[in-house]
C-alpha atoms as a PDB file:
ATOM      1  CA  MET A   1     -68.304 -51.068 111.383  1.00  0.00           C
ATOM      2  CA  ASP A   2     -69.123 -47.350 111.468  1.00  0.00           C
ATOM      3  CA  LEU A   3     -70.435 -46.439 108.008  1.00  0.00           C
ATOM      4  CA  SER A   4     -71.071 -42.979 106.618  1.00  0.00           C
ATOM      5  CA  LYS A   5     -74.579 -41.550 106.796  1.00  0.00           C
ATOM      6  CA  HIS A   6     -74.342 -40.430 103.175  1.00  0.00           C
ATOM      7  CA  ALA A   7     -72.837 -41.668  99.919  1.00  0.00           C
ATOM      8  CA  PHE A   8     -72.230 -40.285  96.448  1.00  0.00           C
ATOM      9  CA  PHE A   9     -74.471 -42.254  94.090  1.00  0.00           C
ATOM     10  CA  GLU A  10     -75.728 -41.677  90.534  1.00  0.00           C
ATOM     11  CA  GLY A  11     -74.525 -38.099  90.397  1.00  0.00           C
ATOM     12  CA  LYS A  12     -75.469 -36.779  93.823  1.00  0.00           C
ATOM     13  CA  ILE A  13     -75.021 -37.145  97.572  1.00  0.00           C
ATOM     14  CA  VAL A  14     -77.798 -39.278  99.035  1.00  0.00           C
ATOM     15  CA  PRO A  15     -78.489 -41.075 102.338  1.00  0.00           C
ATOM     16  CA  LEU A  16     -76.434 -44.280 102.396  1.00  0.00           C
ATOM     17  CA  ALA A  17     -79.610 -46.366 102.680  1.00  0.00           C
ATOM     18  CA  ASP A  18     -80.714 -45.023  99.285  1.00  0.00           C
ATOM     19  CA  ALA A  19     -77.436 -45.872  97.519  1.00  0.00           C
ATOM     20  CA  LYS A  20     -78.488 -49.277  96.211  1.00  0.00           C
ATOM     21  CA  ILE A  21     -77.864 -51.239  93.046  1.00  0.00           C
ATOM     22  CA  ASN A  22     -80.087 -53.905  91.522  1.00  0.00           C
ATOM     23  CA  ILE A  23     -79.000 -57.566  91.772  1.00  0.00           C
ATOM     24  CA  ALA A  24     -79.094 -57.649  87.948  1.00  0.00           C
ATOM     25  CA  THR A  25     -76.430 -54.919  87.696  1.00  0.00           C
ATOM     26  CA  HIS A  26     -73.578 -55.859  85.351  1.00  0.00           C
ATOM     27  CA  GLY A  27     -70.858 -54.800  87.798  1.00  0.00           C
ATOM     28  CA  PHE A  28     -72.298 -57.095  90.470  1.00  0.00           C
ATOM     29  CA  LEU A  29     -72.823 -60.062  88.145  1.00  0.00           C
ATOM     30  CA  TYR A  30     -69.415 -59.984  86.430  1.00  0.00           C
ATOM     31  CA  GLY A  31     -67.095 -57.954  88.653  1.00  0.00           C
ATOM     32  CA  THR A  32     -66.924 -55.262  85.957  1.00  0.00           C
ATOM     33  CA  ALA A  33     -66.078 -52.486  88.370  1.00  0.00           C
ATOM     34  CA  VAL A  34     -62.927 -50.704  89.489  1.00  0.00           C
ATOM     35  CA  PHE A  35     -62.289 -49.114  92.845  1.00  0.00           C
ATOM     36  CA  GLY A  36     -59.881 -47.049  94.867  1.00  0.00           C
ATOM     37  CA  GLY A  37     -58.894 -47.140  98.509  1.00  0.00           C
ATOM     38  CA  MET A  38     -58.239 -43.746 100.101  1.00  0.00           C
ATOM     39  CA  ARG A  39     -57.584 -42.629 103.654  1.00  0.00           C
ATOM     40  CA  GLY A  40     -58.325 -39.532 105.668  1.00  0.00           C
ATOM     41  CA  TYR A  41     -56.488 -38.804 108.924  1.00  0.00           C
ATOM     42  CA  TRP A  42     -57.765 -36.723 111.804  1.00  0.00           C
ATOM     43  CA  ASN A  43     -55.324 -34.284 113.412  1.00  0.00           C
ATOM     44  CA  GLU A  44     -56.683 -33.632 116.896  1.00  0.00           C
ATOM     45  CA  GLU A  45     -54.333 -30.716 117.526  1.00  0.00           C
ATOM     46  CA  LYS A  46     -55.368 -28.878 114.353  1.00  0.00           C
ATOM     47  CA  LYS A  47     -58.958 -30.186 114.426  1.00  0.00           C
ATOM     48  CA  ARG A  48     -58.644 -30.985 110.738  1.00  0.00           C
ATOM     49  CA  LEU A  49     -59.139 -34.034 108.576  1.00  0.00           C
ATOM     50  CA  PHE A  50     -56.436 -34.612 105.939  1.00  0.00           C
ATOM     51  CA  VAL A  51     -57.017 -36.733 102.815  1.00  0.00           C
ATOM     52  CA  PHE A  52     -53.767 -38.340 101.663  1.00  0.00           C
ATOM     53  CA  ARG A  53     -52.722 -37.863  98.022  1.00  0.00           C
ATOM     54  CA  PRO A  54     -56.237 -37.807  96.540  1.00  0.00           C
ATOM     55  CA  TYR A  55     -55.023 -36.627  93.117  1.00  0.00           C
ATOM     56  CA  ASP A  56     -52.760 -39.678  92.781  1.00  0.00           C
ATOM     57  CA  HIS A  57     -55.503 -42.028  93.965  1.00  0.00           C
ATOM     58  CA  PHE A  58     -58.054 -40.665  91.520  1.00  0.00           C
ATOM     59  CA  ARG A  59     -55.531 -40.658  88.686  1.00  0.00           C
ATOM     60  CA  ARG A  60     -54.969 -44.385  89.270  1.00  0.00           C
ATOM     61  CA  LEU A  61     -58.735 -44.968  89.526  1.00  0.00           C
ATOM     62  CA  LEU A  62     -59.291 -43.243  86.187  1.00  0.00           C
ATOM     63  CA  HIS A  63     -56.530 -45.375  84.657  1.00  0.00           C
ATOM     64  CA  SER A  64     -58.249 -48.494  86.026  1.00  0.00           C
ATOM     65  CA  ALA A  65     -61.530 -47.316  84.502  1.00  0.00           C
ATOM     66  CA  ARG A  66     -59.837 -46.843  81.141  1.00  0.00           C
ATOM     67  CA  MET A  67     -58.609 -50.457  81.255  1.00  0.00           C
ATOM     68  CA  LEU A  68     -62.244 -51.582  81.494  1.00  0.00           C
ATOM     69  CA  ALA A  69     -63.304 -49.329  78.598  1.00  0.00           C
ATOM     70  CA  MET A  70     -65.251 -46.993  80.877  1.00  0.00           C
ATOM     71  CA  GLN A  71     -66.457 -43.521  79.896  1.00  0.00           C
ATOM     72  CA  THR A  72     -66.331 -41.634  83.197  1.00  0.00           C
ATOM     73  CA  GLY A  73     -66.983 -37.938  82.545  1.00  0.00           C
ATOM     74  CA  TYR A  74     -64.850 -37.064  85.580  1.00  0.00           C
ATOM     75  CA  ASP A  75     -61.308 -35.826  86.061  1.00  0.00           C
ATOM     76  CA  GLU A  76     -59.104 -35.837  89.159  1.00  0.00           C
ATOM     77  CA  GLU A  77     -60.131 -32.364  90.307  1.00  0.00           C
ATOM     78  CA  SER A  78     -63.872 -32.987  90.040  1.00  0.00           C
ATOM     79  CA  LEU A  79     -63.509 -36.264  91.966  1.00  0.00           C
ATOM     80  CA  ILE A  80     -61.552 -34.489  94.709  1.00  0.00           C
ATOM     81  CA  GLN A  81     -64.257 -31.835  94.992  1.00  0.00           C
ATOM     82  CA  LEU A  82     -67.115 -34.311  95.343  1.00  0.00           C
ATOM     83  CA  THR A  83     -65.015 -36.203  97.924  1.00  0.00           C
ATOM     84  CA  LEU A  84     -64.661 -33.044 100.007  1.00  0.00           C
ATOM     85  CA  ASP A  85     -68.395 -32.369  99.652  1.00  0.00           C
ATOM     86  CA  LEU A  86     -69.223 -35.878 100.859  1.00  0.00           C
ATOM     87  CA  LEU A  87     -66.841 -35.716 103.833  1.00  0.00           C
ATOM     88  CA  ARG A  88     -68.167 -32.319 104.896  1.00  0.00           C
ATOM     89  CA  THR A  89     -71.738 -33.602 104.720  1.00  0.00           C
ATOM     90  CA  ASP A  90     -71.061 -36.084 107.545  1.00  0.00           C
ATOM     91  CA  ASN A  91     -68.456 -33.902 109.319  1.00  0.00           C
ATOM     92  CA  TRP A  92     -65.996 -36.742 109.978  1.00  0.00           C
ATOM     93  CA  GLN A  93     -63.658 -36.108 112.929  1.00  0.00           C
ATOM     94  CA  GLN A  94     -61.744 -39.400 113.051  1.00  0.00           C
ATOM     95  CA  ASP A  95     -59.558 -41.577 110.834  1.00  0.00           C
ATOM     96  CA  ILE A  96     -61.547 -42.801 107.839  1.00  0.00           C
ATOM     97  CA  TYR A  97     -61.336 -44.976 104.747  1.00  0.00           C
ATOM     98  CA  MET A  98     -63.011 -43.961 101.461  1.00  0.00           C
ATOM     99  CA  ARG A  99     -64.101 -46.367  98.745  1.00  0.00           C
ATOM    100  CA  PRO A 100     -64.723 -44.716  95.338  1.00  0.00           C
ATOM    101  CA  SER A 101     -65.854 -47.006  92.502  1.00  0.00           C
ATOM    102  CA  PHE A 102     -66.770 -46.925  88.845  1.00  0.00           C
ATOM    103  CA  TYR A 103     -69.038 -49.754  87.735  1.00  0.00           C
ATOM    104  CA  LYS A 104     -70.953 -51.070  84.733  1.00  0.00           C
ATOM    105  CA  ALA A 105     -74.477 -50.051  85.693  1.00  0.00           C
ATOM    106  CA  ASP A 106     -76.721 -51.673  83.060  1.00  0.00           C
ATOM    107  CA  LEU A 107     -79.090 -54.441  84.098  1.00  0.00           C
ATOM    108  CA  GLY A 108     -79.079 -57.856  82.485  1.00  0.00           C
ATOM    109  CA  ILE A 109     -76.974 -60.758  81.293  1.00  0.00           C
ATOM    110  CA  GLY A 110     -74.129 -60.573  78.785  1.00  0.00           C
ATOM    111  CA  VAL A 111     -70.348 -60.649  79.242  1.00  0.00           C
ATOM    112  CA  ARG A 112     -68.761 -57.591  77.621  1.00  0.00           C
ATOM    113  CA  LEU A 113     -67.345 -54.168  78.390  1.00  0.00           C
ATOM    114  CA  HIS A 114     -68.730 -52.145  75.493  1.00  0.00           C
ATOM    115  CA  ASP A 115     -72.147 -50.492  75.038  1.00  0.00           C
ATOM    116  CA  LEU A 116     -72.783 -50.299  78.792  1.00  0.00           C
ATOM    117  CA  LYS A 117     -73.508 -47.353  81.067  1.00  0.00           C
ATOM    118  CA  ASP A 118     -70.777 -46.461  83.578  1.00  0.00           C
ATOM    119  CA  GLU A 119     -71.616 -44.951  86.978  1.00  0.00           C
ATOM    120  CA  PHE A 120     -69.587 -43.633  89.926  1.00  0.00           C
ATOM    121  CA  CYS A 121     -70.242 -44.107  93.626  1.00  0.00           C
ATOM    122  CA  MET A 122     -68.396 -43.596  96.908  1.00  0.00           C
ATOM    123  CA  PHE A 123     -68.967 -44.291 100.587  1.00  0.00           C
ATOM    124  CA  VAL A 124     -66.897 -43.795 103.741  1.00  0.00           C
ATOM    125  CA  ILE A 125     -66.224 -45.952 106.797  1.00  0.00           C
ATOM    126  CA  ALA A 126     -64.402 -45.364 110.065  1.00  0.00           C
ATOM    127  CA  TYR A 127     -60.913 -46.800 109.839  1.00  0.00           C
ATOM    128  CA  GLU A 128     -60.135 -50.175 111.384  1.00  0.00           C
ATOM    129  CA  PRO A 129     -56.574 -51.634 111.384  1.00  0.00           C
ATOM    130  CA  TYR A 130     -56.042 -53.824 108.313  1.00  0.00           C
ATOM    131  CA  VAL A 131     -53.252 -55.947 109.822  1.00  0.00           C
ATOM    132  CA  LYS A 132     -53.561 -55.857 113.587  1.00  0.00           C
ATOM    133  CA  ASN A 133     -50.024 -57.214 114.083  1.00  0.00           C
ATOM    134  CA  ASP A 134     -48.499 -54.441 111.980  1.00  0.00           C
ATOM    135  CA  THR A 135     -45.163 -54.169 113.837  1.00  0.00           C
ATOM    136  CA  ASN A 136     -44.475 -57.905 113.993  1.00  0.00           C
ATOM    137  CA  ALA A 137     -46.259 -59.660 111.128  1.00  0.00           C
ATOM    138  CA  HIS A 138     -45.655 -63.357 110.420  1.00  0.00           C
ATOM    139  CA  VAL A 139     -46.329 -64.177 106.774  1.00  0.00           C
ATOM    140  CA  THR A 140     -46.245 -67.217 104.497  1.00  0.00           C
ATOM    141  CA  PHE A 141     -45.761 -67.862 100.797  1.00  0.00           C
ATOM    142  CA  SER A 142     -49.139 -68.505  99.225  1.00  0.00           C
ATOM    143  CA  SER A 143     -49.849 -71.523  97.022  1.00  0.00           C
ATOM    144  CA  TRP A 144     -51.947 -69.186  94.841  1.00  0.00           C
ATOM    145  CA  ARG A 145     -50.259 -67.136  92.102  1.00  0.00           C
ATOM    146  CA  ARG A 146     -50.821 -63.459  91.394  1.00  0.00           C
ATOM    147  CA  ILE A 147     -53.051 -62.710  88.412  1.00  0.00           C
ATOM    148  CA  ASP A 148     -51.108 -61.810  85.277  1.00  0.00           C
ATOM    149  CA  ASP A 149     -51.354 -58.604  83.255  1.00  0.00           C
ATOM    150  CA  ASN A 150     -52.562 -60.664  80.293  1.00  0.00           C
ATOM    151  CA  VAL A 151     -55.319 -62.236  82.399  1.00  0.00           C
ATOM    152  CA  ILE A 152     -56.672 -59.365  84.497  1.00  0.00           C
ATOM    153  CA  PRO A 153     -54.375 -56.348  84.922  1.00  0.00           C
ATOM    154  CA  ALA A 154     -53.085 -56.247  88.498  1.00  0.00           C
ATOM    155  CA  ARG A 155     -52.076 -52.605  88.040  1.00  0.00           C
ATOM    156  CA  GLY A 156     -55.782 -51.789  87.860  1.00  0.00           C
ATOM    157  CA  LYS A 157     -57.960 -52.224  90.929  1.00  0.00           C
ATOM    158  CA  VAL A 158     -60.548 -54.408  89.177  1.00  0.00           C
ATOM    159  CA  SER A 159     -63.214 -55.608  91.600  1.00  0.00           C
ATOM    160  CA  GLY A 160     -63.539 -59.114  90.160  1.00  0.00           C
ATOM    161  CA  ALA A 161     -59.772 -59.647  90.366  1.00  0.00           C
ATOM    162  CA  TYR A 162     -59.853 -59.365  94.143  1.00  0.00           C
ATOM    163  CA  ALA A 163     -61.212 -62.894  94.382  1.00  0.00           C
ATOM    164  CA  ASN A 164     -57.514 -63.721  93.874  1.00  0.00           C
ATOM    165  CA  SER A 165     -56.593 -61.643  96.934  1.00  0.00           C
ATOM    166  CA  ALA A 166     -59.418 -63.171  98.970  1.00  0.00           C
ATOM    167  CA  LEU A 167     -58.216 -66.725  98.270  1.00  0.00           C
ATOM    168  CA  ILE A 168     -54.680 -65.738  99.273  1.00  0.00           C
ATOM    169  CA  LYS A 169     -55.674 -63.891 102.447  1.00  0.00           C
ATOM    170  CA  THR A 170     -58.138 -66.475 103.775  1.00  0.00           C
ATOM    171  CA  ASP A 171     -55.755 -69.404 103.332  1.00  0.00           C
ATOM    172  CA  ALA A 172     -52.980 -67.486 105.113  1.00  0.00           C
ATOM    173  CA  ASN A 173     -55.188 -66.404 108.022  1.00  0.00           C
ATOM    174  CA  ARG A 174     -56.716 -69.859 108.487  1.00  0.00           C
ATOM    175  CA  ALA A 175     -53.204 -71.312 108.611  1.00  0.00           C
ATOM    176  CA  GLY A 176     -52.362 -68.916 111.445  1.00  0.00           C
ATOM    177  CA  PHE A 177     -50.408 -66.259 109.510  1.00  0.00           C
ATOM    178  CA  ASP A 178     -51.026 -62.516 109.454  1.00  0.00           C
ATOM    179  CA  GLU A 179     -50.512 -62.182 105.704  1.00  0.00           C
ATOM    180  CA  ALA A 180     -49.103 -63.901 102.626  1.00  0.00           C
ATOM    181  CA  LEU A 181     -46.513 -63.272  99.950  1.00  0.00           C
ATOM    182  CA  VAL A 182     -47.582 -64.102  96.408  1.00  0.00           C
ATOM    183  CA  LEU A 183     -45.447 -65.199  93.463  1.00  0.00           C
ATOM    184  CA  ASP A 184     -46.127 -64.220  89.867  1.00  0.00           C
ATOM    185  CA  ASN A 185     -46.170 -66.751  87.043  1.00  0.00           C
ATOM    186  CA  ASN A 186     -42.399 -66.394  86.640  1.00  0.00           C
ATOM    187  CA  GLY A 187     -41.847 -67.370  90.262  1.00  0.00           C
ATOM    188  CA  HIS A 188     -40.877 -63.877  91.405  1.00  0.00           C
ATOM    189  CA  VAL A 189     -42.247 -62.290  94.569  1.00  0.00           C
ATOM    190  CA  SER A 190     -45.030 -59.975  93.447  1.00  0.00           C
ATOM    191  CA  GLU A 191     -47.075 -58.630  96.378  1.00  0.00           C
ATOM    192  CA  GLY A 192     -48.903 -59.490  99.534  1.00  0.00           C
ATOM    193  CA  SER A 193     -52.589 -60.356  99.239  1.00  0.00           C
ATOM    194  CA  ALA A 194     -53.324 -56.670  98.642  1.00  0.00           C
ATOM    195  CA  MET A 195     -50.090 -54.856  99.517  1.00  0.00           C
ATOM    196  CA  ASN A 196     -46.787 -53.958  97.905  1.00  0.00           C
ATOM    197  CA  ILE A 197     -43.596 -55.314  99.445  1.00  0.00           C
ATOM    198  CA  PHE A 198     -40.096 -54.018 100.209  1.00  0.00           C
ATOM    199  CA  MET A 199     -37.006 -55.786 101.498  1.00  0.00           C
ATOM    200  CA  LEU A 200     -33.660 -54.452 102.701  1.00  0.00           C
ATOM    201  CA  ARG A 201     -30.656 -56.402 101.375  1.00  0.00           C
ATOM    202  CA  ASP A 202     -27.105 -55.256 102.087  1.00  0.00           C
ATOM    203  CA  GLY A 203     -28.430 -51.806 102.945  1.00  0.00           C
ATOM    204  CA  VAL A 204     -30.320 -51.427  99.649  1.00  0.00           C
ATOM    205  CA  LEU A 205     -34.097 -51.143  99.630  1.00  0.00           C
ATOM    206  CA  VAL A 206     -35.563 -53.428  96.943  1.00  0.00           C
ATOM    207  CA  THR A 207     -39.133 -53.598  95.664  1.00  0.00           C
ATOM    208  CA  PRO A 208     -40.638 -55.450  92.671  1.00  0.00           C
ATOM    209  CA  PRO A 209     -41.052 -53.401  89.470  1.00  0.00           C
ATOM    210  CA  VAL A 210     -44.441 -52.414  88.094  1.00  0.00           C
ATOM    211  CA  THR A 211     -43.965 -55.055  85.378  1.00  0.00           C
ATOM    212  CA  ASP A 212     -44.088 -57.951  87.906  1.00  0.00           C
ATOM    213  CA  ASN A 213     -47.899 -57.878  88.176  1.00  0.00           C
ATOM    214  CA  ILE A 214     -48.164 -55.458  91.075  1.00  0.00           C
ATOM    215  CA  LEU A 215     -50.563 -52.671  91.875  1.00  0.00           C
ATOM    216  CA  GLU A 216     -48.878 -49.336  91.271  1.00  0.00           C
ATOM    217  CA  GLY A 217     -49.323 -48.353  94.902  1.00  0.00           C
ATOM    218  CA  ILE A 218     -49.574 -44.783  96.160  1.00  0.00           C
ATOM    219  CA  THR A 219     -48.018 -45.745  99.502  1.00  0.00           C
ATOM    220  CA  ARG A 220     -45.289 -47.614  97.602  1.00  0.00           C
ATOM    221  CA  LYS A 221     -44.577 -44.499  95.562  1.00  0.00           C
ATOM    222  CA  SER A 222     -44.460 -42.366  98.721  1.00  0.00           C
ATOM    223  CA  VAL A 223     -42.119 -44.742 100.567  1.00  0.00           C
ATOM    224  CA  ILE A 224     -39.683 -44.842  97.636  1.00  0.00           C
ATOM    225  CA  GLU A 225     -39.476 -41.055  97.700  1.00  0.00           C
ATOM    226  CA  LEU A 226     -39.056 -40.876 101.492  1.00  0.00           C
ATOM    227  CA  ALA A 227     -36.415 -43.621 101.567  1.00  0.00           C
ATOM    228  CA  ARG A 228     -34.344 -41.869  98.904  1.00  0.00           C
ATOM    229  CA  ASN A 229     -34.756 -38.258  99.970  1.00  0.00           C
ATOM    230  CA  GLU A 230     -34.996 -38.503 103.761  1.00  0.00           C
ATOM    231  CA  LEU A 231     -33.019 -41.633 104.653  1.00  0.00           C
ATOM    232  CA  GLY A 232     -30.511 -41.452 101.810  1.00  0.00           C
ATOM    233  CA  LEU A 233     -31.146 -45.062 100.826  1.00  0.00           C
ATOM    234  CA  THR A 234     -30.564 -46.576  97.425  1.00  0.00           C
ATOM    235  CA  VAL A 235     -33.926 -47.902  96.204  1.00  0.00           C
ATOM    236  CA  VAL A 236     -33.912 -50.486  93.419  1.00  0.00           C
ATOM    237  CA  GLU A 237     -36.966 -51.724  91.542  1.00  0.00           C
ATOM    238  CA  ARG A 238     -36.210 -55.256  90.347  1.00  0.00           C
ATOM    239  CA  SER A 239     -37.572 -58.787  90.451  1.00  0.00           C
ATOM    240  CA  ILE A 240     -37.171 -60.598  93.777  1.00  0.00           C
ATOM    241  CA  ASP A 241     -36.521 -64.334  94.111  1.00  0.00           C
ATOM    242  CA  ARG A 242     -38.331 -66.288  96.803  1.00  0.00           C
ATOM    243  CA  THR A 243     -35.215 -67.238  98.787  1.00  0.00           C
ATOM    244  CA  GLU A 244     -33.935 -63.648  98.851  1.00  0.00           C
ATOM    245  CA  VAL A 245     -36.666 -62.865 101.331  1.00  0.00           C
ATOM    246  CA  PHE A 246     -35.237 -65.308 103.873  1.00  0.00           C
ATOM    247  CA  ILE A 247     -31.826 -63.614 103.889  1.00  0.00           C
ATOM    248  CA  SER A 248     -33.005 -59.995 103.871  1.00  0.00           C
ATOM    249  CA  GLU A 249     -32.239 -57.698 106.808  1.00  0.00           C
ATOM    250  CA  GLU A 250     -35.691 -56.126 106.939  1.00  0.00           C
ATOM    251  CA  MET A 251     -38.992 -56.501 105.192  1.00  0.00           C
ATOM    252  CA  PHE A 252     -42.234 -54.542 105.169  1.00  0.00           C
ATOM    253  CA  MET A 253     -45.490 -54.271 103.247  1.00  0.00           C
ATOM    254  CA  THR A 254     -47.184 -51.061 102.141  1.00  0.00           C
ATOM    255  CA  GLY A 255     -50.712 -50.065 101.225  1.00  0.00           C
ATOM    256  CA  THR A 256     -53.379 -47.478 101.897  1.00  0.00           C
ATOM    257  CA  ALA A 257     -55.083 -49.696 104.474  1.00  0.00           C
ATOM    258  CA  ALA A 258     -51.937 -51.404 105.776  1.00  0.00           C
ATOM    259  CA  GLN A 259     -49.770 -48.230 105.716  1.00  0.00           C
ATOM    260  CA  ILE A 260     -46.304 -49.656 106.548  1.00  0.00           C
ATOM    261  CA  THR A 261     -46.544 -53.142 108.067  1.00  0.00           C
ATOM    262  CA  ALA A 262     -43.339 -54.679 109.401  1.00  0.00           C
ATOM    263  CA  VAL A 263     -42.714 -58.331 108.483  1.00  0.00           C
ATOM    264  CA  THR A 264     -40.522 -60.061 111.073  1.00  0.00           C
ATOM    265  CA  LYS A 265     -40.992 -63.700 110.113  1.00  0.00           C
ATOM    266  CA  VAL A 266     -41.652 -65.582 106.852  1.00  0.00           C
ATOM    267  CA  ASP A 267     -42.651 -69.239 107.028  1.00  0.00           C
ATOM    268  CA  HIS A 268     -41.235 -69.501 110.564  1.00  0.00           C
ATOM    269  CA  ARG A 269     -37.882 -67.999 109.506  1.00  0.00           C
ATOM    270  CA  PRO A 270     -36.949 -64.717 111.243  1.00  0.00           C
ATOM    271  CA  ILE A 271     -36.261 -61.719 109.019  1.00  0.00           C
ATOM    272  CA  GLY A 272     -33.029 -60.131 110.207  1.00  0.00           C
ATOM    273  CA  ALA A 273     -33.094 -60.058 114.004  1.00  0.00           C
ATOM    274  CA  GLY A 274     -36.739 -61.146 114.046  1.00  0.00           C
ATOM    275  CA  VAL A 275     -37.996 -57.726 115.150  1.00  0.00           C
ATOM    276  CA  MET A 276     -39.020 -54.554 113.319  1.00  0.00           C
ATOM    277  CA  GLY A 277     -35.794 -53.030 111.972  1.00  0.00           C
ATOM    278  CA  PRO A 278     -34.501 -49.430 112.153  1.00  0.00           C
ATOM    279  CA  VAL A 279     -35.298 -48.511 108.535  1.00  0.00           C
ATOM    280  CA  THR A 280     -38.896 -49.724 108.839  1.00  0.00           C
ATOM    281  CA  THR A 281     -39.256 -47.927 112.181  1.00  0.00           C
ATOM    282  CA  LYS A 282     -37.995 -44.604 110.777  1.00  0.00           C
ATOM    283  CA  LEU A 283     -40.228 -44.828 107.718  1.00  0.00           C
ATOM    284  CA  ARG A 284     -43.297 -45.652 109.833  1.00  0.00           C
ATOM    285  CA  THR A 285     -42.726 -42.670 112.150  1.00  0.00           C
ATOM    286  CA  MET A 286     -42.070 -40.260 109.286  1.00  0.00           C
ATOM    287  CA  TYR A 287     -45.038 -41.507 107.289  1.00  0.00           C
ATOM    288  CA  GLU A 288     -47.447 -41.205 110.228  1.00  0.00           C
ATOM    289  CA  ASP A 289     -46.470 -37.555 110.766  1.00  0.00           C
ATOM    290  CA  ILE A 290     -46.978 -36.782 107.076  1.00  0.00           C
ATOM    291  CA  LEU A 291     -50.416 -38.412 106.999  1.00  0.00           C
ATOM    292  CA  ARG A 292     -51.650 -36.193 109.836  1.00  0.00           C
ATOM    293  CA  GLY A 293     -50.322 -32.969 108.361  1.00  0.00           C
ATOM    294  CA  LYS A 294     -47.434 -32.656 110.825  1.00  0.00           C
ATOM    295  CA  ASN A 295     -44.614 -32.395 108.265  1.00  0.00           C
ATOM    296  CA  LYS A 296     -44.561 -29.104 106.338  1.00  0.00           C
ATOM    297  CA  LYS A 297     -42.173 -30.427 103.696  1.00  0.00           C
ATOM    298  CA  TYR A 298     -44.791 -32.929 102.520  1.00  0.00           C
ATOM    299  CA  GLU A 299     -47.963 -30.986 103.234  1.00  0.00           C
ATOM    300  CA  HIS A 300     -48.608 -30.870  99.464  1.00  0.00           C
ATOM    301  CA  TRP A 301     -49.444 -34.585  99.667  1.00  0.00           C
ATOM    302  CA  ASN A 302     -52.507 -33.803 101.794  1.00  0.00           C
ATOM    303  CA  VAL A 303     -55.772 -32.051 101.085  1.00  0.00           C
ATOM    304  CA  ALA A 304     -57.424 -30.573 104.186  1.00  0.00           C
ATOM    305  CA  VAL A 305     -61.173 -31.024 104.477  1.00  0.00           C
END
């Protein structure tokens, strides 16, 4: 994995090798950290790197920090600026993934959120495909349930909560599937292991609401807007029953890492014709052009480095 040469750590840009935390750090011991996942896309023709919707990503990160009673001292604009500074330091000229985090930085034992120092850090890696079979994914329903808002808020990207995603993903992969679908405690389809989901039923695009223990995804938000405005689709946010998935015409998953991943089979049952459908195909093509700064109508979603 190609890691950045530098990171942002304890208020400044430092060599990555110097960006270290102590094993007694609260965030490491208890998972009391929140993170974001952001992407940058290289446009070879323009020789520019474009960061996708950084304001929205940092807004969600700051909301996650608030859920863990963090005092950050940053706003969206200052986080965007330090991101640009970090990317320019290493002069990235390829697709990348950025991982910004806030964490409880005090050393020692004691489970709590209050009276602790909060720090920010960020590093960058070269992008590697999250789901390699992203045009023809075969998924399964997980035996694990999605964490509930009254347990650990799924709408916040809380580091410790991703043990839930890890259990889901590993079981699915070891059973031979590309991904998994996860039910919430009411038995409704919530997400993938770390992705939002959409299904097409009777020509209507359906996705679970933010109250069904999902991450409020930036890609999800973007796809809803594109489906409505560019494809003229009706998009409905409502709870989804398990068996609805089997009779849908199309299905796909969305996320910063996964982008738009087509699901063509669920538990050995074909979705629609068993191949990536026309709506998913159109959205993938449109989205890819936007990410690389090739669509002027949506250029406001990108920040050029």
